[in-house]
Amino acid sequence: MRALIQRVTHAKVEVDGQCIGEIDQGLLVFIGVEKDDRTEDADRLLKKVLAYRVFSDSEDKMNLSVTDVNGGLLLVSQFTLAANTQKGLRPSFSSAAPPSGRRGAV
């Protein structure tokens, strides 16, 4: 499981023009889930993301977590984070978990 985090002042996800998720200040987190990932991996990642000190305190030092600033958390599935780019110019996504509700090749 891999995550890419981005501090945001505002973020939203729209599908077909309809907002399905939105936050103000907080973290936008793109998550790549792989076939062998377990619930325990997701729990550990969530604890880390909530604890990362990436927000500035009153002295402009990055000492505060998203929890400390009462920020939002917007999670977006991003299978491309599971890409293997070790060989050639065509990434392999064979380690990515299949979309929800599907079995077999992605």
PDB file of N, CA and C in Angstrom:
ATOM      1  N   MET A   1       0.851  -1.164   0.000  1.00  0.00           N
ATOM      2  CA  MET A   1       0.000   0.000   0.000  1.00  0.00           C
ATOM      3  C   MET A   1       0.899   1.230   0.000  1.00  0.00           C
ATOM      4  N   ARG A   2       0.572   2.134  -0.886  1.00  0.00           N
ATOM      5  CA  ARG A   2       1.343   3.374  -0.985  1.00  0.00           C
ATOM      6  C   ARG A   2       0.396   4.553  -0.923  1.00  0.00           C
ATOM      7  N   ALA A   3       0.917   5.641  -0.367  1.00  0.00           N
ATOM      8  CA  ALA A   3       0.099   6.848  -0.281  1.00  0.00           C
ATOM      9  C   ALA A   3       0.934   8.054  -0.675  1.00  0.00           C
ATOM     10  N   LEU A   4       0.305   8.974  -1.338  1.00  0.00           N
ATOM     11  CA  LEU A   4       0.893  10.253  -1.681  1.00  0.00           C
ATOM     12  C   LEU A   4       0.027  11.298  -1.001  1.00  0.00           C
ATOM     13  N   ILE A   5       0.640  12.089  -0.106  1.00  0.00           N
ATOM     14  CA  ILE A   5      -0.153  13.069   0.636  1.00  0.00           C
ATOM     15  C   ILE A   5       0.141  14.475   0.138  1.00  0.00           C
ATOM     16  N   GLN A   6      -0.875  15.313   0.183  1.00  0.00           N
ATOM     17  CA  GLN A   6      -0.732  16.705  -0.215  1.00  0.00           C
ATOM     18  C   GLN A   6      -1.541  17.564   0.748  1.00  0.00           C
ATOM     19  N   ARG A   7      -0.873  18.569   1.322  1.00  0.00           N
ATOM     20  CA  ARG A   7      -1.602  19.530   2.154  1.00  0.00           C
ATOM     21  C   ARG A   7      -2.452  20.389   1.228  1.00  0.00           C
ATOM     22  N   VAL A   8      -3.663  20.683   1.659  1.00  0.00           N
ATOM     23  CA  VAL A   8      -4.558  21.490   0.829  1.00  0.00           C
ATOM     24  C   VAL A   8      -5.306  22.499   1.693  1.00  0.00           C
ATOM     25  N   THR A   9      -5.689  23.587   1.057  1.00  0.00           N
ATOM     26  CA  THR A   9      -6.600  24.528   1.711  1.00  0.00           C
ATOM     27  C   THR A   9      -8.035  24.209   1.329  1.00  0.00           C
ATOM     28  N   HIS A  10      -8.182  23.494   0.209  1.00  0.00           N
ATOM     29  CA  HIS A  10      -9.492  23.041  -0.248  1.00  0.00           C
ATOM     30  C   HIS A  10      -9.271  21.961  -1.307  1.00  0.00           C
ATOM     31  N   ALA A  11     -10.061  20.916  -1.270  1.00  0.00           N
ATOM     32  CA  ALA A  11     -10.008  19.868  -2.292  1.00  0.00           C
ATOM     33  C   ALA A  11     -11.375  19.229  -2.420  1.00  0.00           C
ATOM     34  N   LYS A  12     -11.686  18.817  -3.645  1.00  0.00           N
ATOM     35  CA  LYS A  12     -12.937  18.080  -3.836  1.00  0.00           C
ATOM     36  C   LYS A  12     -12.793  17.131  -5.004  1.00  0.00           C
ATOM     37  N   VAL A  13     -13.603  16.089  -4.969  1.00  0.00           N
ATOM     38  CA  VAL A  13     -13.632  15.089  -6.025  1.00  0.00           C
ATOM     39  C   VAL A  13     -15.018  15.134  -6.633  1.00  0.00           C
ATOM     40  N   GLU A  14     -15.045  15.272  -7.950  1.00  0.00           N
ATOM     41  CA  GLU A  14     -16.305  15.269  -8.682  1.00  0.00           C
ATOM     42  C   GLU A  14     -16.330  14.098  -9.650  1.00  0.00           C
ATOM     43  N   VAL A  15     -17.476  13.473  -9.783  1.00  0.00           N
ATOM     44  CA  VAL A  15     -17.706  12.420 -10.760  1.00  0.00           C
ATOM     45  C   VAL A  15     -18.951  12.796 -11.535  1.00  0.00           C
ATOM     46  N   ASP A  16     -18.808  12.904 -12.848  1.00  0.00           N
ATOM     47  CA  ASP A  16     -19.922  13.313 -13.708  1.00  0.00           C
ATOM     48  C   ASP A  16     -20.575  14.598 -13.216  1.00  0.00           C
ATOM     49  N   GLY A  17     -19.754  15.540 -12.770  1.00  0.00           N
ATOM     50  CA  GLY A  17     -20.251  16.841 -12.335  1.00  0.00           C
ATOM     51  C   GLY A  17     -20.850  16.865 -10.941  1.00  0.00           C
ATOM     52  N   GLN A  18     -20.853  15.737 -10.250  1.00  0.00           N
ATOM     53  CA  GLN A  18     -21.420  15.674  -8.904  1.00  0.00           C
ATOM     54  C   GLN A  18     -20.305  15.526  -7.878  1.00  0.00           C
ATOM     55  N   CYS A  19     -20.307  16.366  -6.864  1.00  0.00           N
ATOM     56  CA  CYS A  19     -19.297  16.318  -5.809  1.00  0.00           C
ATOM     57  C   CYS A  19     -19.546  15.090  -4.937  1.00  0.00           C
ATOM     58  N   ILE A  20     -18.510  14.234  -4.835  1.00  0.00           N
ATOM     59  CA  ILE A  20     -18.656  13.047  -3.993  1.00  0.00           C
ATOM     60  C   ILE A  20     -17.767  13.100  -2.759  1.00  0.00           C
ATOM     61  N   GLY A  21     -16.931  14.138  -2.655  1.00  0.00           N
ATOM     62  CA  GLY A  21     -16.082  14.322  -1.488  1.00  0.00           C
ATOM     63  C   GLY A  21     -15.449  15.694  -1.527  1.00  0.00           C
ATOM     64  N   GLU A  22     -15.387  16.356  -0.357  1.00  0.00           N
ATOM     65  CA  GLU A  22     -14.850  17.711  -0.313  1.00  0.00           C
ATOM     66  C   GLU A  22     -14.347  18.026   1.089  1.00  0.00           C
ATOM     67  N   ILE A  23     -13.210  18.718   1.152  1.00  0.00           N
ATOM     68  CA  ILE A  23     -12.671  19.172   2.431  1.00  0.00           C
ATOM     69  C   ILE A  23     -12.140  20.589   2.268  1.00  0.00           C
ATOM     70  N   ASP A  24     -12.018  21.273   3.372  1.00  0.00           N
ATOM     71  CA  ASP A  24     -11.289  22.534   3.391  1.00  0.00           C
ATOM     72  C   ASP A  24      -9.867  22.175   3.815  1.00  0.00           C
ATOM     73  N   GLN A  25      -9.245  22.928   4.701  1.00  0.00           N
ATOM     74  CA  GLN A  25      -7.864  22.620   5.093  1.00  0.00           C
ATOM     75  C   GLN A  25      -7.739  21.174   5.546  1.00  0.00           C
ATOM     76  N   GLY A  26      -6.705  20.519   5.062  1.00  0.00           N
ATOM     77  CA  GLY A  26      -6.485  19.135   5.463  1.00  0.00           C
ATOM     78  C   GLY A  26      -5.515  18.446   4.548  1.00  0.00           C
ATOM     79  N   LEU A  27      -5.705  17.138   4.396  1.00  0.00           N
ATOM     80  CA  LEU A  27      -4.829  16.321   3.568  1.00  0.00           C
ATOM     81  C   LEU A  27      -5.626  15.608   2.480  1.00  0.00           C
ATOM     82  N   LEU A  28      -5.151  15.762   1.265  1.00  0.00           N
ATOM     83  CA  LEU A  28      -5.637  14.982   0.140  1.00  0.00           C
ATOM     84  C   LEU A  28      -4.675  13.803   0.028  1.00  0.00           C
ATOM     85  N   VAL A  29      -5.199  12.591   0.107  1.00  0.00           N
ATOM     86  CA  VAL A  29      -4.352  11.399   0.128  1.00  0.00           C
ATOM     87  C   VAL A  29      -4.750  10.480  -1.016  1.00  0.00           C
ATOM     88  N   PHE A  30      -3.797  10.269  -1.946  1.00  0.00           N
ATOM     89  CA  PHE A  30      -3.985   9.311  -3.023  1.00  0.00           C
ATOM     90  C   PHE A  30      -3.427   7.979  -2.530  1.00  0.00           C
ATOM     91  N   ILE A  31      -4.224   6.919  -2.652  1.00  0.00           N
ATOM     92  CA  ILE A  31      -3.838   5.621  -2.094  1.00  0.00           C
ATOM     93  C   ILE A  31      -3.807   4.557  -3.188  1.00  0.00           C
ATOM     94  N   GLY A  32      -2.674   3.874  -3.275  1.00  0.00           N
ATOM     95  CA  GLY A  32      -2.526   2.748  -4.185  1.00  0.00           C
ATOM     96  C   GLY A  32      -2.563   1.460  -3.395  1.00  0.00           C
ATOM     97  N   VAL A  33      -3.582   0.674  -3.618  1.00  0.00           N
ATOM     98  CA  VAL A  33      -3.764  -0.581  -2.881  1.00  0.00           C
ATOM     99  C   VAL A  33      -3.263  -1.727  -3.759  1.00  0.00           C
ATOM    100  N   GLU A  34      -2.461  -2.598  -3.143  1.00  0.00           N
ATOM    101  CA  GLU A  34      -1.924  -3.745  -3.863  1.00  0.00           C
ATOM    102  C   GLU A  34      -2.616  -5.031  -3.412  1.00  0.00           C
ATOM    103  N   LYS A  35      -2.507  -6.068  -4.220  1.00  0.00           N
ATOM    104  CA  LYS A  35      -3.212  -7.335  -3.981  1.00  0.00           C
ATOM    105  C   LYS A  35      -2.957  -7.927  -2.602  1.00  0.00           C
ATOM    106  N   ASP A  36      -1.730  -7.818  -2.113  1.00  0.00           N
ATOM    107  CA  ASP A  36      -1.378  -8.452  -0.842  1.00  0.00           C
ATOM    108  C   ASP A  36      -1.636  -7.577   0.378  1.00  0.00           C
ATOM    109  N   ASP A  37      -2.159  -6.370   0.184  1.00  0.00           N
ATOM    110  CA  ASP A  37      -2.414  -5.477   1.320  1.00  0.00           C
ATOM    111  C   ASP A  37      -3.534  -6.023   2.197  1.00  0.00           C
ATOM    112  N   ARG A  38      -3.383  -5.797   3.502  1.00  0.00           N
ATOM    113  CA  ARG A  38      -4.358  -6.287   4.476  1.00  0.00           C
ATOM    114  C   ARG A  38      -4.984  -5.114   5.216  1.00  0.00           C
ATOM    115  N   THR A  39      -6.006  -5.384   5.952  1.00  0.00           N
ATOM    116  CA  THR A  39      -6.662  -4.359   6.765  1.00  0.00           C
ATOM    117  C   THR A  39      -5.675  -3.735   7.735  1.00  0.00           C
ATOM    118  N   GLU A  40      -4.768  -4.545   8.266  1.00  0.00           N
ATOM    119  CA  GLU A  40      -3.763  -4.039   9.207  1.00  0.00           C
ATOM    120  C   GLU A  40      -2.859  -3.004   8.544  1.00  0.00           C
ATOM    121  N   ASP A  41      -2.555  -3.202   7.256  1.00  0.00           N
ATOM    122  CA  ASP A  41      -1.736  -2.231   6.515  1.00  0.00           C
ATOM    123  C   ASP A  41      -2.467  -0.901   6.400  1.00  0.00           C
ATOM    124  N   ALA A  42      -3.750  -0.963   6.117  1.00  0.00           N
ATOM    125  CA  ALA A  42      -4.554   0.259   5.999  1.00  0.00           C
ATOM    126  C   ALA A  42      -4.645   0.968   7.346  1.00  0.00           C
ATOM    127  N   ASP A  43      -4.826   0.216   8.414  1.00  0.00           N
ATOM    128  CA  ASP A  43      -4.899   0.813   9.754  1.00  0.00           C
ATOM    129  C   ASP A  43      -3.603   1.521  10.118  1.00  0.00           C
ATOM    130  N   ARG A  44      -2.470   0.865   9.821  1.00  0.00           N
ATOM    131  CA  ARG A  44      -1.170   1.462  10.124  1.00  0.00           C
ATOM    132  C   ARG A  44      -0.946   2.734   9.303  1.00  0.00           C
ATOM    133  N   LEU A  45      -1.303   2.686   8.030  1.00  0.00           N
ATOM    134  CA  LEU A  45      -1.149   3.854   7.167  1.00  0.00           C
ATOM    135  C   LEU A  45      -2.014   5.014   7.659  1.00  0.00           C
ATOM    136  N   LEU A  46      -3.234   4.730   8.032  1.00  0.00           N
ATOM    137  CA  LEU A  46      -4.127   5.778   8.537  1.00  0.00           C
ATOM    138  C   LEU A  46      -3.546   6.433   9.787  1.00  0.00           C
ATOM    139  N   LYS A  47      -3.043   5.644  10.714  1.00  0.00           N
ATOM    140  CA  LYS A  47      -2.448   6.206  11.932  1.00  0.00           C
ATOM    141  C   LYS A  47      -1.280   7.120  11.601  1.00  0.00           C
ATOM    142  N   LYS A  48      -0.449   6.700  10.639  1.00  0.00           N
ATOM    143  CA  LYS A  48       0.694   7.527  10.247  1.00  0.00           C
ATOM    144  C   LYS A  48       0.234   8.824   9.595  1.00  0.00           C
ATOM    145  N   VAL A  49      -0.710   8.727   8.663  1.00  0.00           N
ATOM    146  CA  VAL A  49      -1.192   9.922   7.963  1.00  0.00           C
ATOM    147  C   VAL A  49      -1.787  10.917   8.956  1.00  0.00           C
ATOM    148  N   LEU A  50      -2.548  10.430   9.914  1.00  0.00           N
ATOM    149  CA  LEU A  50      -3.153  11.327  10.912  1.00  0.00           C
ATOM    150  C   LEU A  50      -2.113  11.957  11.827  1.00  0.00           C
ATOM    151  N   ALA A  51      -0.953  11.312  11.974  1.00  0.00           N
ATOM    152  CA  ALA A  51       0.076  11.800  12.894  1.00  0.00           C
ATOM    153  C   ALA A  51       1.177  12.621  12.220  1.00  0.00           C
ATOM    154  N   TYR A  52       1.287  12.566  10.886  1.00  0.00           N
ATOM    155  CA  TYR A  52       2.345  13.332  10.209  1.00  0.00           C
ATOM    156  C   TYR A  52       2.252  14.801  10.578  1.00  0.00           C
ATOM    157  N   ARG A  53       3.379  15.369  10.956  1.00  0.00           N
ATOM    158  CA  ARG A  53       3.413  16.780  11.346  1.00  0.00           C
ATOM    159  C   ARG A  53       3.804  17.615  10.122  1.00  0.00           C
ATOM    160  N   VAL A  54       2.796  17.996   9.357  1.00  0.00           N
ATOM    161  CA  VAL A  54       3.025  18.708   8.102  1.00  0.00           C
ATOM    162  C   VAL A  54       2.346  20.077   8.052  1.00  0.00           C
ATOM    163  N   PHE A  55       1.750  20.490   9.165  1.00  0.00           N
ATOM    164  CA  PHE A  55       1.112  21.804   9.234  1.00  0.00           C
ATOM    165  C   PHE A  55       1.894  22.712  10.174  1.00  0.00           C
ATOM    166  N   SER A  56       1.939  23.978   9.833  1.00  0.00           N
ATOM    167  CA  SER A  56       2.728  24.948  10.598  1.00  0.00           C
ATOM    168  C   SER A  56       2.063  25.323  11.913  1.00  0.00           C
ATOM    169  N   ASP A  57       2.912  25.508  12.925  1.00  0.00           N
ATOM    170  CA  ASP A  57       2.436  25.999  14.222  1.00  0.00           C
ATOM    171  C   ASP A  57       2.543  27.523  14.237  1.00  0.00           C
ATOM    172  N   SER A  58       2.359  28.131  15.392  1.00  0.00           N
ATOM    173  CA  SER A  58       2.379  29.593  15.507  1.00  0.00           C
ATOM    174  C   SER A  58       3.760  30.189  15.224  1.00  0.00           C
ATOM    175  N   GLU A  59       4.804  29.347  15.273  1.00  0.00           N
ATOM    176  CA  GLU A  59       6.160  29.804  14.971  1.00  0.00           C
ATOM    177  C   GLU A  59       6.579  29.428  13.543  1.00  0.00           C
ATOM    178  N   ASP A  60       5.613  29.045  12.727  1.00  0.00           N
ATOM    179  CA  ASP A  60       5.820  28.680  11.330  1.00  0.00           C
ATOM    180  C   ASP A  60       6.702  27.440  11.148  1.00  0.00           C
ATOM    181  N   LYS A  61       6.699  26.565  12.149  1.00  0.00           N
ATOM    182  CA  LYS A  61       7.409  25.288  12.050  1.00  0.00           C
ATOM    183  C   LYS A  61       6.389  24.185  11.815  1.00  0.00           C
ATOM    184  N   MET A  62       6.756  23.217  10.993  1.00  0.00           N
ATOM    185  CA  MET A  62       5.830  22.120  10.711  1.00  0.00           C
ATOM    186  C   MET A  62       5.827  21.152  11.887  1.00  0.00           C
ATOM    187  N   ASN A  63       4.978  21.464  12.862  1.00  0.00           N
ATOM    188  CA  ASN A  63       4.880  20.671  14.084  1.00  0.00           C
ATOM    189  C   ASN A  63       3.486  20.119  14.343  1.00  0.00           C
ATOM    190  N   LEU A  64       2.531  20.428  13.486  1.00  0.00           N
ATOM    191  CA  LEU A  64       1.147  20.049  13.751  1.00  0.00           C
ATOM    192  C   LEU A  64       0.650  19.008  12.749  1.00  0.00           C
ATOM    193  N   SER A  65      -0.168  18.100  13.239  1.00  0.00           N
ATOM    194  CA  SER A  65      -0.777  17.080  12.389  1.00  0.00           C
ATOM    195  C   SER A  65      -2.136  17.567  11.896  1.00  0.00           C
ATOM    196  N   VAL A  66      -2.714  16.819  10.982  1.00  0.00           N
ATOM    197  CA  VAL A  66      -4.054  17.158  10.489  1.00  0.00           C
ATOM    198  C   VAL A  66      -5.064  17.106  11.637  1.00  0.00           C
ATOM    199  N   THR A  67      -4.834  16.225  12.579  1.00  0.00           N
ATOM    200  CA  THR A  67      -5.702  16.141  13.753  1.00  0.00           C
ATOM    201  C   THR A  67      -5.553  17.389  14.618  1.00  0.00           C
ATOM    202  N   ASP A  68      -4.308  17.857  14.797  1.00  0.00           N
ATOM    203  CA  ASP A  68      -4.058  19.051  15.607  1.00  0.00           C
ATOM    204  C   ASP A  68      -4.745  20.293  15.049  1.00  0.00           C
ATOM    205  N   VAL A  69      -4.816  20.395  13.713  1.00  0.00           N
ATOM    206  CA  VAL A  69      -5.419  21.584  13.098  1.00  0.00           C
ATOM    207  C   VAL A  69      -6.900  21.371  12.794  1.00  0.00           C
ATOM    208  N   ASN A  70      -7.439  20.225  13.240  1.00  0.00           N
ATOM    209  CA  ASN A  70      -8.841  19.901  13.012  1.00  0.00           C
ATOM    210  C   ASN A  70      -9.167  19.904  11.519  1.00  0.00           C
ATOM    211  N   GLY A  71      -8.221  19.379  10.731  1.00  0.00           N
ATOM    212  CA  GLY A  71      -8.368  19.387   9.277  1.00  0.00           C
ATOM    213  C   GLY A  71      -9.130  18.188   8.765  1.00  0.00           C
ATOM    214  N   GLY A  72      -9.434  18.250   7.492  1.00  0.00           N
ATOM    215  CA  GLY A  72     -10.151  17.175   6.830  1.00  0.00           C
ATOM    216  C   GLY A  72      -9.201  16.183   6.200  1.00  0.00           C
ATOM    217  N   LEU A  73      -9.747  15.065   5.805  1.00  0.00           N
ATOM    218  CA  LEU A  73      -8.987  14.005   5.154  1.00  0.00           C
ATOM    219  C   LEU A  73      -9.820  13.533   3.968  1.00  0.00           C
ATOM    220  N   LEU A  74      -9.261  13.659   2.773  1.00  0.00           N
ATOM    221  CA  LEU A  74      -9.951  13.206   1.569  1.00  0.00           C
ATOM    222  C   LEU A  74      -9.101  12.120   0.937  1.00  0.00           C
ATOM    223  N   LEU A  75      -9.622  10.899   0.908  1.00  0.00           N
ATOM    224  CA  LEU A  75      -8.898   9.741   0.391  1.00  0.00           C
ATOM    225  C   LEU A  75      -9.380   9.417  -1.018  1.00  0.00           C
ATOM    226  N   VAL A  76      -8.417   9.258  -1.941  1.00  0.00           N
ATOM    227  CA  VAL A  76      -8.746   8.984  -3.337  1.00  0.00           C
ATOM    228  C   VAL A  76      -7.970   7.752  -3.781  1.00  0.00           C
ATOM    229  N   SER A  77      -8.672   6.754  -4.269  1.00  0.00           N
ATOM    230  CA  SER A  77      -8.029   5.558  -4.789  1.00  0.00           C
ATOM    231  C   SER A  77      -7.252   5.918  -6.053  1.00  0.00           C
ATOM    232  N   GLN A  78      -5.998   5.457  -6.127  1.00  0.00           N
ATOM    233  CA  GLN A  78      -5.135   5.784  -7.270  1.00  0.00           C
ATOM    234  C   GLN A  78      -4.268   4.570  -7.582  1.00  0.00           C
ATOM    235  N   PHE A  79      -4.778   3.684  -8.444  1.00  0.00           N
ATOM    236  CA  PHE A  79      -4.075   2.425  -8.703  1.00  0.00           C
ATOM    237  C   PHE A  79      -2.707   2.640  -9.327  1.00  0.00           C
ATOM    238  N   THR A  80      -2.459   3.770  -9.981  1.00  0.00           N
ATOM    239  CA  THR A  80      -1.169   3.987 -10.626  1.00  0.00           C
ATOM    240  C   THR A  80      -0.021   4.060  -9.619  1.00  0.00           C
ATOM    241  N   LEU A  81      -0.319   4.286  -8.342  1.00  0.00           N
ATOM    242  CA  LEU A  81       0.735   4.283  -7.325  1.00  0.00           C
ATOM    243  C   LEU A  81       1.314   2.888  -7.112  1.00  0.00           C
ATOM    244  N   ALA A  82       0.609   1.871  -7.568  1.00  0.00           N
ATOM    245  CA  ALA A  82       1.092   0.497  -7.436  1.00  0.00           C
ATOM    246  C   ALA A  82       1.902   0.064  -8.658  1.00  0.00           C
ATOM    247  N   ALA A  83       2.188   0.988  -9.551  1.00  0.00           N
ATOM    248  CA  ALA A  83       2.906   0.647 -10.784  1.00  0.00           C
ATOM    249  C   ALA A  83       4.332   0.202 -10.507  1.00  0.00           C
ATOM    250  N   ASN A  84       4.768  -0.795 -11.266  1.00  0.00           N
ATOM    251  CA  ASN A  84       6.164  -1.218 -11.254  1.00  0.00           C
ATOM    252  C   ASN A  84       6.805  -0.627 -12.508  1.00  0.00           C
ATOM    253  N   THR A  85       7.784   0.260 -12.302  1.00  0.00           N
ATOM    254  CA  THR A  85       8.433   0.942 -13.422  1.00  0.00           C
ATOM    255  C   THR A  85       9.903   0.543 -13.549  1.00  0.00           C
ATOM    256  N   GLN A  86      10.265  -0.603 -13.004  1.00  0.00           N
ATOM    257  CA  GLN A  86      11.657  -1.044 -12.990  1.00  0.00           C
ATOM    258  C   GLN A  86      12.192  -1.384 -14.383  1.00  0.00           C
ATOM    259  N   LYS A  87      11.351  -1.915 -15.238  1.00  0.00           N
ATOM    260  CA  LYS A  87      11.821  -2.356 -16.558  1.00  0.00           C
ATOM    261  C   LYS A  87      11.063  -1.622 -17.661  1.00  0.00           C
ATOM    262  N   GLY A  88      11.789  -1.261 -18.688  1.00  0.00           N
ATOM    263  CA  GLY A  88      11.176  -0.723 -19.893  1.00  0.00           C
ATOM    264  C   GLY A  88      10.439   0.587 -19.691  1.00  0.00           C
ATOM    265  N   LEU A  89       9.591   0.877 -20.663  1.00  0.00           N
ATOM    266  CA  LEU A  89       8.854   2.144 -20.657  1.00  0.00           C
ATOM    267  C   LEU A  89       7.357   1.952 -20.482  1.00  0.00           C
ATOM    268  N   ARG A  90       6.938   0.719 -20.238  1.00  0.00           N
ATOM    269  CA  ARG A  90       5.523   0.450 -20.013  1.00  0.00           C
ATOM    270  C   ARG A  90       5.364  -0.052 -18.585  1.00  0.00           C
ATOM    271  N   PRO A  91       4.761   0.755 -17.711  1.00  0.00           N
ATOM    272  CA  PRO A  91       4.610   0.311 -16.318  1.00  0.00           C
ATOM    273  C   PRO A  91       3.693  -0.909 -16.216  1.00  0.00           C
ATOM    274  N   SER A  92       3.977  -1.733 -15.233  1.00  0.00           N
ATOM    275  CA  SER A  92       3.142  -2.895 -14.957  1.00  0.00           C
ATOM    276  C   SER A  92       2.269  -2.589 -13.746  1.00  0.00           C
ATOM    277  N   PHE A  93       0.996  -2.916 -13.866  1.00  0.00           N
ATOM    278  CA  PHE A  93       0.059  -2.704 -12.765  1.00  0.00           C
ATOM    279  C   PHE A  93      -0.429  -4.033 -12.203  1.00  0.00           C
ATOM    280  N   SER A  94       0.322  -5.097 -12.445  1.00  0.00           N
ATOM    281  CA  SER A  94      -0.109  -6.432 -12.026  1.00  0.00           C
ATOM    282  C   SER A  94      -0.179  -6.584 -10.515  1.00  0.00           C
ATOM    283  N   SER A  95       0.541  -5.753  -9.758  1.00  0.00           N
ATOM    284  CA  SER A  95       0.481  -5.866  -8.296  1.00  0.00           C
ATOM    285  C   SER A  95      -0.686  -5.082  -7.698  1.00  0.00           C
ATOM    286  N   ALA A  96      -1.348  -4.263  -8.507  1.00  0.00           N
ATOM    287  CA  ALA A  96      -2.472  -3.460  -7.999  1.00  0.00           C
ATOM    288  C   ALA A  96      -3.668  -4.347  -7.694  1.00  0.00           C
ATOM    289  N   ALA A  97      -4.376  -4.003  -6.639  1.00  0.00           N
ATOM    290  CA  ALA A  97      -5.603  -4.731  -6.300  1.00  0.00           C
ATOM    291  C   ALA A  97      -6.663  -4.430  -7.361  1.00  0.00           C
ATOM    292  N   PRO A  98      -7.501  -5.408  -7.685  1.00  0.00           N
ATOM    293  CA  PRO A  98      -8.565  -5.162  -8.666  1.00  0.00           C
ATOM    294  C   PRO A  98      -9.593  -4.179  -8.097  1.00  0.00           C
ATOM    295  N   PRO A  99     -10.294  -3.482  -8.978  1.00  0.00           N
ATOM    296  CA  PRO A  99     -11.347  -2.577  -8.502  1.00  0.00           C
ATOM    297  C   PRO A  99     -12.354  -3.317  -7.636  1.00  0.00           C
ATOM    298  N   SER A 100     -12.969  -2.631  -6.734  1.00  0.00           N
ATOM    299  CA  SER A 100     -13.961  -3.227  -5.837  1.00  0.00           C
ATOM    300  C   SER A 100     -15.046  -3.945  -6.638  1.00  0.00           C
ATOM    301  N   GLY A 101     -15.344  -5.147  -6.216  1.00  0.00           N
ATOM    302  CA  GLY A 101     -16.401  -5.895  -6.874  1.00  0.00           C
ATOM    303  C   GLY A 101     -15.924  -6.721  -8.060  1.00  0.00           C
ATOM    304  N   ARG A 102     -14.629  -6.606  -8.429  1.00  0.00           N
ATOM    305  CA  ARG A 102     -14.108  -7.367  -9.557  1.00  0.00           C
ATOM    306  C   ARG A 102     -13.072  -8.365  -9.081  1.00  0.00           C
ATOM    307  N   ARG A 103     -12.927  -9.422  -9.796  1.00  0.00           N
ATOM    308  CA  ARG A 103     -11.908 -10.425  -9.511  1.00  0.00           C
ATOM    309  C   ARG A 103     -11.038 -10.575 -10.742  1.00  0.00           C
ATOM    310  N   GLY A 104      -9.808 -11.010 -10.538  1.00  0.00           N
ATOM    311  CA  GLY A 104      -8.935 -11.289 -11.662  1.00  0.00           C
ATOM    312  C   GLY A 104      -8.111 -10.099 -12.082  1.00  0.00           C
ATOM    313  N   ALA A 105      -7.738 -10.045 -13.352  1.00  0.00           N
ATOM    314  CA  ALA A 105      -6.814  -9.018 -13.874  1.00  0.00           C
ATOM    315  C   ALA A 105      -7.435  -7.641 -13.790  1.00  0.00           C
ATOM    316  N   VAL A 106      -6.554  -6.678 -13.562  1.00  0.00           N
ATOM    317  CA  VAL A 106      -6.974  -5.281 -13.478  1.00  0.00           C
ATOM    318  C   VAL A 106      -6.982  -4.705 -14.858  1.00  0.00           C
TER     319      VAL A 106
END
